[in-house]
């Protein structure tokens, strides 16, 4: 919420966007934790991560230059989700 507010996101949308994206992230985590829905959760995690990367490139491009920032670790997280998705049937 602080990042959105600092980057001139409409104040009326900061709260709802923060809540919705937080609930989405938690839901994706639960989907990944359950074997039966893990594949869907991993795919949803990849899509959400790509969406976050695209949205942040537009709204907060300055966050990309932080060496240990949230956006820098998104790429490796996507790769890990792809690997887990590919290995899911083998375990």
N, C-alpha and C. Protein backbone atom coordinates (compact mmCIF):
# COMPACT_ATOMS: atom_id res chain seq x y z
N UNK A 1 0.83 -1.19 0.00
CA UNK A 1 0.00 0.00 0.00
C UNK A 1 0.87 1.25 0.00
N UNK A 2 1.95 1.19 0.76
CA UNK A 2 2.85 2.34 0.82
C UNK A 2 3.51 2.63 -0.52
N UNK A 3 3.88 1.57 -1.21
CA UNK A 3 4.52 1.74 -2.52
C UNK A 3 3.53 2.34 -3.51
N UNK A 4 2.30 1.84 -3.50
CA UNK A 4 1.29 2.38 -4.41
C UNK A 4 1.02 3.85 -4.10
N UNK A 5 0.87 4.17 -2.83
CA UNK A 5 0.60 5.56 -2.45
C UNK A 5 1.76 6.48 -2.84
N UNK A 6 2.97 6.00 -2.65
CA UNK A 6 4.15 6.81 -2.98
C UNK A 6 4.30 7.05 -4.48
N UNK A 7 3.68 6.20 -5.27
CA UNK A 7 3.79 6.35 -6.73
C UNK A 7 2.50 6.89 -7.35
N UNK A 8 1.75 7.63 -6.56
CA UNK A 8 0.58 8.38 -7.03
C UNK A 8 -0.52 7.49 -7.60
N UNK A 9 -0.69 6.31 -7.02
CA UNK A 9 -1.82 5.44 -7.38
C UNK A 9 -3.07 6.08 -6.79
N UNK A 10 -4.22 5.99 -7.45
CA UNK A 10 -5.44 6.61 -6.90
C UNK A 10 -5.72 6.13 -5.47
N UNK A 11 -5.82 7.07 -4.53
CA UNK A 11 -5.99 6.70 -3.12
C UNK A 11 -7.18 5.79 -2.84
N UNK A 12 -8.25 5.95 -3.59
CA UNK A 12 -9.44 5.13 -3.35
C UNK A 12 -9.20 3.67 -3.73
N UNK A 13 -8.20 3.40 -4.57
CA UNK A 13 -7.93 2.04 -5.02
C UNK A 13 -6.79 1.36 -4.28
N UNK A 14 -6.01 2.10 -3.51
CA UNK A 14 -4.86 1.53 -2.82
C UNK A 14 -5.27 0.39 -1.89
N UNK A 15 -6.24 0.63 -1.04
CA UNK A 15 -6.69 -0.39 -0.09
C UNK A 15 -7.25 -1.63 -0.77
N UNK A 16 -8.23 -1.46 -1.67
CA UNK A 16 -8.80 -2.63 -2.33
C UNK A 16 -7.78 -3.43 -3.15
N UNK A 17 -6.89 -2.75 -3.86
CA UNK A 17 -5.89 -3.46 -4.65
C UNK A 17 -4.94 -4.23 -3.73
N UNK A 18 -4.56 -3.64 -2.62
CA UNK A 18 -3.68 -4.31 -1.67
C UNK A 18 -4.35 -5.56 -1.10
N UNK A 19 -5.59 -5.44 -0.71
CA UNK A 19 -6.31 -6.58 -0.13
C UNK A 19 -6.51 -7.68 -1.17
N UNK A 20 -6.94 -7.32 -2.36
CA UNK A 20 -7.21 -8.32 -3.40
C UNK A 20 -5.93 -9.05 -3.80
N UNK A 21 -4.84 -8.32 -4.01
CA UNK A 21 -3.60 -8.99 -4.41
C UNK A 21 -3.03 -9.84 -3.28
N UNK A 22 -3.19 -9.40 -2.04
CA UNK A 22 -2.73 -10.20 -0.90
C UNK A 22 -3.53 -11.50 -0.79
N UNK A 23 -4.84 -11.41 -0.92
CA UNK A 23 -5.67 -12.61 -0.88
C UNK A 23 -5.36 -13.53 -2.05
N UNK A 24 -5.09 -12.95 -3.22
CA UNK A 24 -4.73 -13.76 -4.38
C UNK A 24 -3.43 -14.52 -4.12
N UNK A 25 -2.43 -13.84 -3.56
CA UNK A 25 -1.15 -14.49 -3.26
C UNK A 25 -1.32 -15.62 -2.26
N UNK A 26 -2.11 -15.39 -1.22
CA UNK A 26 -2.34 -16.44 -0.23
C UNK A 26 -3.10 -17.62 -0.82
N UNK A 27 -4.06 -17.33 -1.68
CA UNK A 27 -4.82 -18.40 -2.34
C UNK A 27 -3.93 -19.24 -3.24
N UNK A 28 -3.03 -18.59 -3.95
CA UNK A 28 -2.10 -19.32 -4.81
C UNK A 28 -1.19 -20.20 -3.96
N UNK A 29 -0.75 -19.71 -2.84
CA UNK A 29 0.07 -20.52 -1.93
C UNK A 29 -0.66 -21.74 -1.43
N UNK A 30 -1.93 -21.59 -1.09
CA UNK A 30 -2.73 -22.74 -0.64
C UNK A 30 -2.92 -23.73 -1.79
N UNK A 31 -3.18 -23.23 -3.00
CA UNK A 31 -3.33 -24.12 -4.15
C UNK A 31 -2.05 -24.93 -4.39
N UNK A 32 -0.90 -24.29 -4.26
CA UNK A 32 0.36 -24.99 -4.47
C UNK A 32 0.59 -26.03 -3.37
N UNK A 33 0.16 -25.76 -2.16
CA UNK A 33 0.39 -26.66 -1.04
C UNK A 33 -0.44 -27.94 -1.12
N UNK A 34 -1.54 -27.91 -1.85
CA UNK A 34 -2.41 -29.08 -1.97
C UNK A 34 -2.05 -29.82 -3.26
N UNK A 35 -1.68 -31.07 -3.12
CA UNK A 35 -1.19 -31.86 -4.26
C UNK A 35 -2.14 -31.82 -5.45
N UNK A 36 -3.41 -31.97 -5.20
CA UNK A 36 -4.40 -32.05 -6.27
C UNK A 36 -4.49 -30.76 -7.10
N UNK A 37 -4.22 -29.63 -6.47
CA UNK A 37 -4.35 -28.34 -7.15
C UNK A 37 -3.01 -27.65 -7.38
N UNK A 38 -1.91 -28.38 -7.12
CA UNK A 38 -0.58 -27.77 -7.20
C UNK A 38 -0.27 -27.26 -8.61
N UNK A 39 -0.61 -28.02 -9.63
CA UNK A 39 -0.30 -27.60 -11.00
C UNK A 39 -1.02 -26.29 -11.33
N UNK A 40 -2.29 -26.21 -10.99
CA UNK A 40 -3.04 -24.99 -11.23
C UNK A 40 -2.45 -23.83 -10.44
N UNK A 41 -2.08 -24.08 -9.18
CA UNK A 41 -1.49 -23.05 -8.35
C UNK A 41 -0.16 -22.55 -8.89
N UNK A 42 0.67 -23.47 -9.38
CA UNK A 42 1.95 -23.06 -9.97
C UNK A 42 1.72 -22.22 -11.22
N UNK A 43 0.80 -22.64 -12.06
CA UNK A 43 0.49 -21.86 -13.25
C UNK A 43 -0.05 -20.49 -12.87
N UNK A 44 -0.94 -20.44 -11.88
CA UNK A 44 -1.49 -19.16 -11.42
C UNK A 44 -0.39 -18.29 -10.83
N UNK A 45 0.57 -18.89 -10.13
CA UNK A 45 1.68 -18.14 -9.57
C UNK A 45 2.56 -17.52 -10.65
N UNK A 46 2.77 -18.27 -11.72
CA UNK A 46 3.56 -17.75 -12.84
C UNK A 46 2.84 -16.57 -13.49
N UNK A 47 1.55 -16.74 -13.74
CA UNK A 47 0.76 -15.67 -14.36
C UNK A 47 0.72 -14.44 -13.46
N UNK A 48 0.51 -14.65 -12.16
CA UNK A 48 0.47 -13.52 -11.23
C UNK A 48 1.82 -12.81 -11.18
N UNK A 49 2.90 -13.57 -11.16
CA UNK A 49 4.23 -12.96 -11.12
C UNK A 49 4.51 -12.15 -12.37
N UNK A 50 4.15 -12.69 -13.52
CA UNK A 50 4.32 -11.93 -14.76
C UNK A 50 3.47 -10.67 -14.76
N UNK A 51 2.27 -10.77 -14.20
CA UNK A 51 1.41 -9.59 -14.08
C UNK A 51 2.00 -8.55 -13.16
N UNK A 52 2.56 -8.99 -12.03
CA UNK A 52 3.22 -8.06 -11.12
C UNK A 52 4.41 -7.38 -11.80
N UNK A 53 5.17 -8.16 -12.56
CA UNK A 53 6.33 -7.58 -13.24
C UNK A 53 5.90 -6.54 -14.27
N UNK A 54 4.87 -6.86 -15.03
CA UNK A 54 4.38 -5.91 -16.04
C UNK A 54 3.80 -4.66 -15.38
N UNK A 55 2.99 -4.86 -14.36
CA UNK A 55 2.39 -3.72 -13.67
C UNK A 55 3.42 -2.83 -13.01
N UNK A 56 4.41 -3.46 -12.40
CA UNK A 56 5.43 -2.65 -11.73
C UNK A 56 6.35 -1.95 -12.73
N UNK A 57 6.53 -2.53 -13.89
CA UNK A 57 7.34 -1.86 -14.92
C UNK A 57 6.66 -0.56 -15.35
N UNK A 58 5.34 -0.54 -15.30
CA UNK A 58 4.59 0.65 -15.69
C UNK A 58 4.45 1.63 -14.52
N UNK A 59 4.04 1.11 -13.35
CA UNK A 59 3.74 1.98 -12.21
C UNK A 59 4.96 2.37 -11.38
N UNK A 60 5.90 1.45 -11.21
CA UNK A 60 7.03 1.69 -10.31
C UNK A 60 8.34 1.20 -10.92
N UNK A 61 8.75 1.77 -12.04
CA UNK A 61 9.98 1.27 -12.68
C UNK A 61 11.23 1.47 -11.83
N UNK A 62 11.20 2.39 -10.88
CA UNK A 62 12.37 2.61 -10.03
C UNK A 62 12.66 1.44 -9.10
N UNK A 63 11.67 0.57 -8.85
CA UNK A 63 11.90 -0.59 -7.98
C UNK A 63 12.81 -1.63 -8.62
N UNK A 64 12.99 -1.56 -9.93
CA UNK A 64 13.84 -2.53 -10.63
C UNK A 64 15.32 -2.33 -10.31
N UNK A 65 15.71 -1.15 -9.87
CA UNK A 65 17.14 -0.91 -9.64
C UNK A 65 17.60 -1.32 -8.24
N UNK A 66 16.68 -1.69 -7.38
CA UNK A 66 17.07 -2.15 -6.04
C UNK A 66 17.65 -3.56 -6.15
N UNK A 67 18.91 -3.76 -5.77
CA UNK A 67 19.56 -5.05 -5.98
C UNK A 67 18.90 -6.21 -5.23
N UNK A 68 18.31 -5.97 -4.09
CA UNK A 68 17.65 -7.04 -3.33
C UNK A 68 16.16 -6.77 -3.20
N UNK A 69 15.63 -6.01 -4.13
CA UNK A 69 14.22 -5.64 -4.08
C UNK A 69 13.30 -6.77 -4.48
N UNK A 70 12.02 -6.53 -4.31
CA UNK A 70 11.01 -7.55 -4.58
C UNK A 70 10.96 -7.96 -6.05
N UNK A 71 11.24 -7.04 -6.94
CA UNK A 71 11.13 -7.36 -8.36
C UNK A 71 12.29 -8.19 -8.87
N UNK A 72 13.45 -8.05 -8.26
CA UNK A 72 14.63 -8.78 -8.71
C UNK A 72 14.45 -10.28 -8.46
N UNK A 73 13.79 -10.64 -7.38
CA UNK A 73 13.62 -12.06 -7.06
C UNK A 73 12.43 -12.69 -7.77
N UNK A 74 11.66 -11.92 -8.48
CA UNK A 74 10.50 -12.46 -9.17
C UNK A 74 10.90 -13.37 -10.33
N UNK A 75 11.93 -13.00 -11.07
CA UNK A 75 12.41 -13.84 -12.18
C UNK A 75 12.82 -15.23 -11.72
N UNK A 76 13.72 -15.34 -10.72
CA UNK A 76 14.08 -16.67 -10.22
C UNK A 76 12.89 -17.43 -9.64
N UNK A 77 11.95 -16.74 -9.04
CA UNK A 77 10.75 -17.41 -8.50
C UNK A 77 9.94 -18.02 -9.63
N UNK A 78 9.84 -17.33 -10.76
CA UNK A 78 9.12 -17.87 -11.91
C UNK A 78 9.83 -19.12 -12.42
N UNK A 79 11.15 -19.07 -12.50
CA UNK A 79 11.92 -20.24 -12.95
C UNK A 79 11.69 -21.42 -12.00
N UNK A 80 11.70 -21.17 -10.69
CA UNK A 80 11.45 -22.24 -9.73
C UNK A 80 10.04 -22.82 -9.88
N UNK A 81 9.06 -21.97 -10.13
CA UNK A 81 7.70 -22.48 -10.34
C UNK A 81 7.61 -23.30 -11.61
N UNK A 82 8.32 -22.88 -12.67
CA UNK A 82 8.34 -23.67 -13.91
C UNK A 82 8.97 -25.03 -13.67
N UNK A 83 10.08 -25.08 -12.95
CA UNK A 83 10.75 -26.35 -12.64
C UNK A 83 9.82 -27.23 -11.81
N UNK A 84 9.18 -26.67 -10.81
CA UNK A 84 8.25 -27.45 -9.98
C UNK A 84 7.09 -27.96 -10.81
N UNK A 85 6.61 -27.15 -11.74
CA UNK A 85 5.51 -27.56 -12.61
C UNK A 85 5.94 -28.73 -13.49
N UNK A 86 7.15 -28.67 -14.02
CA UNK A 86 7.65 -29.74 -14.87
C UNK A 86 7.92 -31.02 -14.08
N UNK A 87 8.32 -30.89 -12.84
CA UNK A 87 8.64 -32.05 -12.01
C UNK A 87 7.41 -32.61 -11.28
N UNK A 88 6.33 -31.95 -11.31
CA UNK A 88 5.16 -32.34 -10.52
C UNK A 88 4.70 -33.75 -10.82
N UNK A 89 4.69 -34.14 -12.07
CA UNK A 89 4.21 -35.47 -12.45
C UNK A 89 5.22 -36.57 -12.07
N UNK A 90 6.47 -36.22 -11.87
CA UNK A 90 7.50 -37.20 -11.60
C UNK A 90 7.63 -37.57 -10.13
N UNK A 91 6.95 -36.87 -9.25
CA UNK A 91 7.13 -37.22 -7.85
C UNK A 91 6.00 -38.06 -7.34
